[in-house]
């Protein structure tokens, strides 16, 4: 169970590129990375490299979105296909999150 998170920027957006699996054991690492990124900034989480995500991962993303929006920031997910998009669809969260195909699809 491994998870890697690379951080960067794209204009006003803080970009977290996540690879691996997000579950009970790795979700705290994602929560920590998001906590460092969401201090009032616009945050995008690129999940294209995630091959598995359970409810712990969803909880982390929901919490990060809430904190970001409450701080007047924007929060988006990059997710085009695969297991993560299926989890978001089944849970109805594609209507809650802004979901884009690439970070370049985000407004500046």
N, C-alpha and C. Protein backbone atom coordinates (compact mmCIF):
# COMPACT_ATOMS: atom_id res chain seq x y z
N UNK A 1 0.84 -1.18 0.00
CA UNK A 1 0.00 0.00 0.00
C UNK A 1 0.88 1.23 0.00
N UNK A 2 1.03 1.80 -1.17
CA UNK A 2 1.86 2.99 -1.25
C UNK A 2 1.08 4.15 -1.81
N UNK A 3 1.49 5.33 -1.43
CA UNK A 3 0.87 6.55 -1.91
C UNK A 3 1.96 7.59 -2.05
N UNK A 4 2.01 8.21 -3.22
CA UNK A 4 2.95 9.32 -3.41
C UNK A 4 2.16 10.55 -3.79
N UNK A 5 2.62 11.69 -3.30
CA UNK A 5 1.94 12.96 -3.55
C UNK A 5 3.00 13.98 -3.94
N UNK A 6 2.86 14.51 -5.14
CA UNK A 6 3.73 15.57 -5.62
C UNK A 6 2.94 16.87 -5.60
N UNK A 7 3.58 17.94 -5.20
CA UNK A 7 2.89 19.23 -5.15
C UNK A 7 3.54 20.21 -6.12
N UNK A 8 2.72 21.09 -6.61
CA UNK A 8 3.19 22.12 -7.52
C UNK A 8 2.15 23.22 -7.62
N UNK A 9 2.31 24.09 -8.58
CA UNK A 9 1.35 25.16 -8.80
C UNK A 9 1.04 25.28 -10.28
N UNK A 10 -0.11 25.79 -10.55
CA UNK A 10 -0.53 26.14 -11.92
C UNK A 10 -1.35 27.40 -11.80
N UNK A 11 -0.73 28.54 -12.04
CA UNK A 11 -1.39 29.82 -11.83
C UNK A 11 -1.72 29.99 -10.36
N UNK A 12 -2.98 30.26 -10.06
CA UNK A 12 -3.42 30.46 -8.67
C UNK A 12 -3.68 29.13 -7.95
N UNK A 13 -3.61 28.03 -8.68
CA UNK A 13 -3.96 26.72 -8.12
C UNK A 13 -2.76 26.02 -7.52
N UNK A 14 -2.95 25.44 -6.34
CA UNK A 14 -1.99 24.50 -5.78
C UNK A 14 -2.41 23.13 -6.31
N UNK A 15 -1.49 22.42 -6.92
CA UNK A 15 -1.78 21.14 -7.56
C UNK A 15 -1.14 20.02 -6.76
N UNK A 16 -1.95 19.05 -6.34
CA UNK A 16 -1.46 17.84 -5.68
C UNK A 16 -1.70 16.69 -6.64
N UNK A 17 -0.63 16.05 -7.08
CA UNK A 17 -0.73 14.91 -7.98
C UNK A 17 -0.53 13.65 -7.14
N UNK A 18 -1.57 12.82 -7.11
CA UNK A 18 -1.59 11.66 -6.23
C UNK A 18 -1.47 10.39 -7.06
N UNK A 19 -0.62 9.47 -6.60
CA UNK A 19 -0.44 8.17 -7.25
C UNK A 19 -0.47 7.08 -6.20
N UNK A 20 -1.13 5.97 -6.54
CA UNK A 20 -1.17 4.82 -5.64
C UNK A 20 -2.58 4.51 -5.17
N UNK A 21 -2.71 4.14 -3.90
CA UNK A 21 -3.98 3.75 -3.32
C UNK A 21 -4.29 4.64 -2.12
N UNK A 22 -5.56 5.06 -2.04
CA UNK A 22 -6.00 5.87 -0.90
C UNK A 22 -6.96 5.00 -0.09
N UNK A 23 -6.52 4.63 1.10
CA UNK A 23 -7.33 3.78 1.96
C UNK A 23 -7.08 4.16 3.42
N UNK A 24 -7.51 3.30 4.32
CA UNK A 24 -7.38 3.54 5.76
C UNK A 24 -5.95 3.88 6.16
N UNK A 25 -5.00 3.24 5.53
CA UNK A 25 -3.60 3.41 5.92
C UNK A 25 -2.92 4.61 5.27
N UNK A 26 -3.34 4.96 4.08
CA UNK A 26 -2.67 6.05 3.36
C UNK A 26 -3.43 7.38 3.42
N UNK A 27 -4.71 7.34 3.80
CA UNK A 27 -5.51 8.57 3.86
C UNK A 27 -4.90 9.64 4.75
N UNK A 28 -4.29 9.30 5.90
CA UNK A 28 -3.68 10.36 6.72
C UNK A 28 -2.59 11.13 5.98
N UNK A 29 -1.84 10.47 5.13
CA UNK A 29 -0.80 11.16 4.35
C UNK A 29 -1.44 12.17 3.40
N UNK A 30 -2.53 11.79 2.76
CA UNK A 30 -3.24 12.71 1.87
C UNK A 30 -3.85 13.86 2.68
N UNK A 31 -4.44 13.56 3.83
CA UNK A 31 -5.02 14.59 4.68
C UNK A 31 -3.96 15.62 5.07
N UNK A 32 -2.78 15.15 5.43
CA UNK A 32 -1.69 16.05 5.81
C UNK A 32 -1.28 16.95 4.64
N UNK A 33 -1.12 16.35 3.46
CA UNK A 33 -0.72 17.13 2.28
C UNK A 33 -1.79 18.16 1.93
N UNK A 34 -3.04 17.79 2.02
CA UNK A 34 -4.12 18.73 1.73
C UNK A 34 -4.19 19.82 2.78
N UNK A 35 -3.92 19.48 4.03
CA UNK A 35 -3.92 20.47 5.09
C UNK A 35 -2.87 21.54 4.87
N UNK A 36 -1.75 21.15 4.32
CA UNK A 36 -0.68 22.11 4.02
C UNK A 36 -1.03 22.97 2.82
N UNK A 37 -1.90 22.46 1.94
CA UNK A 37 -2.20 23.16 0.69
C UNK A 37 -3.43 24.04 0.76
N UNK A 38 -4.37 23.74 1.67
CA UNK A 38 -5.67 24.39 1.56
C UNK A 38 -5.84 25.66 2.39
N UNK A 39 -4.79 26.30 2.79
CA UNK A 39 -4.89 27.52 3.58
C UNK A 39 -5.39 28.71 2.79
N UNK A 40 -6.64 28.69 2.36
CA UNK A 40 -7.21 29.81 1.63
C UNK A 40 -6.86 29.84 0.16
N UNK A 41 -6.18 28.85 -0.33
CA UNK A 41 -5.77 28.82 -1.73
C UNK A 41 -6.75 27.98 -2.55
N UNK A 42 -6.62 28.10 -3.86
CA UNK A 42 -7.35 27.23 -4.77
C UNK A 42 -6.56 25.93 -4.85
N UNK A 43 -7.25 24.79 -4.72
CA UNK A 43 -6.59 23.49 -4.67
C UNK A 43 -7.19 22.57 -5.72
N UNK A 44 -6.31 21.88 -6.45
CA UNK A 44 -6.75 20.84 -7.37
C UNK A 44 -5.98 19.57 -7.03
N UNK A 45 -6.72 18.46 -6.96
CA UNK A 45 -6.13 17.17 -6.66
C UNK A 45 -6.24 16.30 -7.91
N UNK A 46 -5.08 15.96 -8.46
CA UNK A 46 -5.03 15.14 -9.67
C UNK A 46 -5.02 13.68 -9.24
N UNK A 47 -6.13 12.99 -9.49
CA UNK A 47 -6.32 11.60 -9.05
C UNK A 47 -6.16 10.59 -10.19
N UNK A 48 -5.64 11.01 -11.33
CA UNK A 48 -5.53 10.10 -12.46
C UNK A 48 -4.61 8.92 -12.17
N UNK A 49 -3.67 9.06 -11.25
CA UNK A 49 -2.75 7.97 -10.92
C UNK A 49 -3.20 7.12 -9.75
N UNK A 50 -4.42 7.34 -9.26
CA UNK A 50 -4.94 6.56 -8.14
C UNK A 50 -5.67 5.35 -8.69
N UNK A 51 -5.25 4.16 -8.25
CA UNK A 51 -5.88 2.94 -8.75
C UNK A 51 -6.91 2.37 -7.80
N UNK A 52 -7.01 2.92 -6.57
CA UNK A 52 -8.01 2.47 -5.60
C UNK A 52 -8.25 3.59 -4.60
N UNK A 53 -9.54 3.80 -4.24
CA UNK A 53 -9.88 4.75 -3.19
C UNK A 53 -11.11 4.24 -2.47
N UNK A 54 -11.03 4.20 -1.13
CA UNK A 54 -12.18 3.77 -0.34
C UNK A 54 -12.84 4.98 0.32
N UNK A 55 -13.76 4.70 1.26
CA UNK A 55 -14.51 5.77 1.91
C UNK A 55 -13.62 6.71 2.72
N UNK A 56 -12.50 6.22 3.21
CA UNK A 56 -11.56 7.10 3.94
C UNK A 56 -11.05 8.19 3.01
N UNK A 57 -10.72 7.80 1.79
CA UNK A 57 -10.25 8.78 0.81
C UNK A 57 -11.33 9.80 0.48
N UNK A 58 -12.57 9.33 0.33
CA UNK A 58 -13.67 10.25 0.07
C UNK A 58 -13.82 11.25 1.22
N UNK A 59 -13.72 10.74 2.44
CA UNK A 59 -13.84 11.61 3.61
C UNK A 59 -12.76 12.68 3.64
N UNK A 60 -11.55 12.30 3.30
CA UNK A 60 -10.45 13.27 3.26
C UNK A 60 -10.72 14.35 2.21
N UNK A 61 -11.16 13.94 1.03
CA UNK A 61 -11.44 14.91 -0.04
C UNK A 61 -12.61 15.82 0.32
N UNK A 62 -13.65 15.28 0.93
CA UNK A 62 -14.80 16.09 1.33
C UNK A 62 -14.38 17.12 2.38
N UNK A 63 -13.59 16.68 3.36
CA UNK A 63 -13.12 17.61 4.39
C UNK A 63 -12.24 18.71 3.82
N UNK A 64 -11.36 18.35 2.89
CA UNK A 64 -10.48 19.34 2.27
C UNK A 64 -11.29 20.33 1.44
N UNK A 65 -12.28 19.84 0.74
CA UNK A 65 -13.13 20.73 -0.05
C UNK A 65 -13.85 21.71 0.87
N UNK A 66 -14.41 21.21 1.95
CA UNK A 66 -15.14 22.06 2.89
C UNK A 66 -14.23 23.17 3.44
N UNK A 67 -13.03 22.80 3.89
CA UNK A 67 -12.09 23.80 4.43
C UNK A 67 -11.70 24.83 3.37
N UNK A 68 -11.46 24.35 2.17
CA UNK A 68 -11.03 25.25 1.09
C UNK A 68 -12.14 26.24 0.74
N UNK A 69 -13.35 25.74 0.58
CA UNK A 69 -14.48 26.60 0.21
C UNK A 69 -14.79 27.58 1.35
N UNK A 70 -14.72 27.12 2.60
CA UNK A 70 -14.95 28.02 3.73
C UNK A 70 -13.90 29.12 3.80
N UNK A 71 -12.71 28.85 3.29
CA UNK A 71 -11.65 29.85 3.23
C UNK A 71 -11.67 30.66 1.95
N UNK A 72 -12.80 30.61 1.22
CA UNK A 72 -13.01 31.34 -0.04
C UNK A 72 -12.10 30.86 -1.17
N UNK A 73 -11.64 29.62 -1.09
CA UNK A 73 -10.86 29.04 -2.17
C UNK A 73 -11.73 28.17 -3.05
N UNK A 74 -11.15 27.73 -4.14
CA UNK A 74 -11.83 26.79 -5.04
C UNK A 74 -11.16 25.43 -4.89
N UNK A 75 -11.93 24.35 -5.09
CA UNK A 75 -11.42 22.99 -4.93
C UNK A 75 -11.90 22.16 -6.10
N UNK A 76 -10.98 21.47 -6.76
CA UNK A 76 -11.36 20.66 -7.93
C UNK A 76 -10.59 19.35 -7.91
N UNK A 77 -11.13 18.38 -8.63
CA UNK A 77 -10.49 17.08 -8.80
C UNK A 77 -10.24 16.84 -10.28
N UNK A 78 -9.09 16.25 -10.58
CA UNK A 78 -8.80 15.80 -11.93
C UNK A 78 -9.02 14.29 -11.91
N UNK A 79 -10.00 13.87 -12.68
CA UNK A 79 -10.36 12.45 -12.68
C UNK A 79 -11.11 12.17 -13.97
N UNK A 80 -10.54 11.35 -14.83
CA UNK A 80 -11.14 11.15 -16.14
C UNK A 80 -11.84 9.81 -16.30
N UNK A 81 -11.36 8.79 -15.59
CA UNK A 81 -11.94 7.46 -15.74
C UNK A 81 -11.42 6.56 -14.62
N UNK A 82 -11.85 5.32 -14.63
CA UNK A 82 -11.31 4.36 -13.69
C UNK A 82 -12.03 4.28 -12.37
N UNK A 83 -11.40 3.61 -11.42
CA UNK A 83 -12.07 3.31 -10.15
C UNK A 83 -12.43 4.55 -9.33
N UNK A 84 -11.63 5.57 -9.38
CA UNK A 84 -11.93 6.76 -8.58
C UNK A 84 -13.18 7.45 -9.12
N UNK A 85 -13.28 7.59 -10.42
CA UNK A 85 -14.47 8.22 -11.00
C UNK A 85 -15.71 7.39 -10.71
N UNK A 86 -15.58 6.07 -10.72
CA UNK A 86 -16.72 5.21 -10.39
C UNK A 86 -17.17 5.45 -8.94
N UNK A 87 -16.23 5.56 -8.03
CA UNK A 87 -16.57 5.82 -6.62
C UNK A 87 -17.27 7.18 -6.50
N UNK A 88 -16.77 8.19 -7.19
CA UNK A 88 -17.40 9.50 -7.14
C UNK A 88 -18.81 9.47 -7.75
N UNK A 89 -18.97 8.74 -8.86
CA UNK A 89 -20.28 8.62 -9.49
C UNK A 89 -21.28 7.92 -8.58
N UNK A 90 -20.88 6.77 -8.06
CA UNK A 90 -21.78 5.96 -7.23
C UNK A 90 -22.21 6.72 -5.97
N UNK A 91 -21.28 7.48 -5.41
CA UNK A 91 -21.58 8.23 -4.19
C UNK A 91 -22.32 9.54 -4.46
N UNK A 92 -22.47 9.91 -5.72
CA UNK A 92 -23.14 11.15 -6.08
C UNK A 92 -22.28 12.39 -5.90
N UNK A 93 -20.99 12.20 -5.68
CA UNK A 93 -20.11 13.33 -5.39
C UNK A 93 -19.62 14.08 -6.63
N UNK A 94 -19.93 13.58 -7.82
CA UNK A 94 -19.56 14.33 -9.02
C UNK A 94 -20.37 15.62 -9.12
N UNK A 95 -21.47 15.70 -8.37
CA UNK A 95 -22.26 16.93 -8.34
C UNK A 95 -21.75 17.89 -7.27
N UNK A 96 -20.96 17.40 -6.34
CA UNK A 96 -20.41 18.23 -5.26
C UNK A 96 -19.06 18.81 -5.65
N UNK A 97 -18.21 17.96 -6.22
CA UNK A 97 -16.88 18.37 -6.62
C UNK A 97 -16.87 18.91 -8.04
N UNK A 98 -16.01 19.88 -8.29
CA UNK A 98 -15.72 20.27 -9.66
C UNK A 98 -14.75 19.23 -10.19
N UNK A 99 -15.14 18.49 -11.22
CA UNK A 99 -14.31 17.43 -11.79
C UNK A 99 -13.93 17.83 -13.21
N UNK A 100 -12.61 17.83 -13.47
CA UNK A 100 -12.09 18.20 -14.79
C UNK A 100 -11.20 17.09 -15.32
N UNK A 101 -10.90 17.13 -16.61
CA UNK A 101 -10.07 16.11 -17.24
C UNK A 101 -8.58 16.33 -17.03
N UNK A 102 -8.14 17.59 -16.99
CA UNK A 102 -6.74 17.90 -16.78
C UNK A 102 -6.65 19.19 -15.96
N UNK A 103 -5.54 19.44 -15.28
CA UNK A 103 -5.40 20.72 -14.58
C UNK A 103 -5.50 21.92 -15.51
N UNK A 104 -5.15 21.73 -16.77
CA UNK A 104 -5.23 22.82 -17.73
C UNK A 104 -6.66 23.25 -18.02
N UNK A 105 -7.64 22.41 -17.68
CA UNK A 105 -9.05 22.73 -17.90
C UNK A 105 -9.61 23.70 -16.86
N UNK A 106 -8.82 23.99 -15.82
CA UNK A 106 -9.29 24.87 -14.75
C UNK A 106 -9.15 26.33 -15.14
N UNK A 107 -10.09 27.17 -14.67
CA UNK A 107 -9.93 28.60 -14.91
C UNK A 107 -8.74 29.15 -14.13
N UNK A 108 -8.12 30.16 -14.64
CA UNK A 108 -6.92 30.73 -14.00
C UNK A 108 -7.20 31.35 -12.68
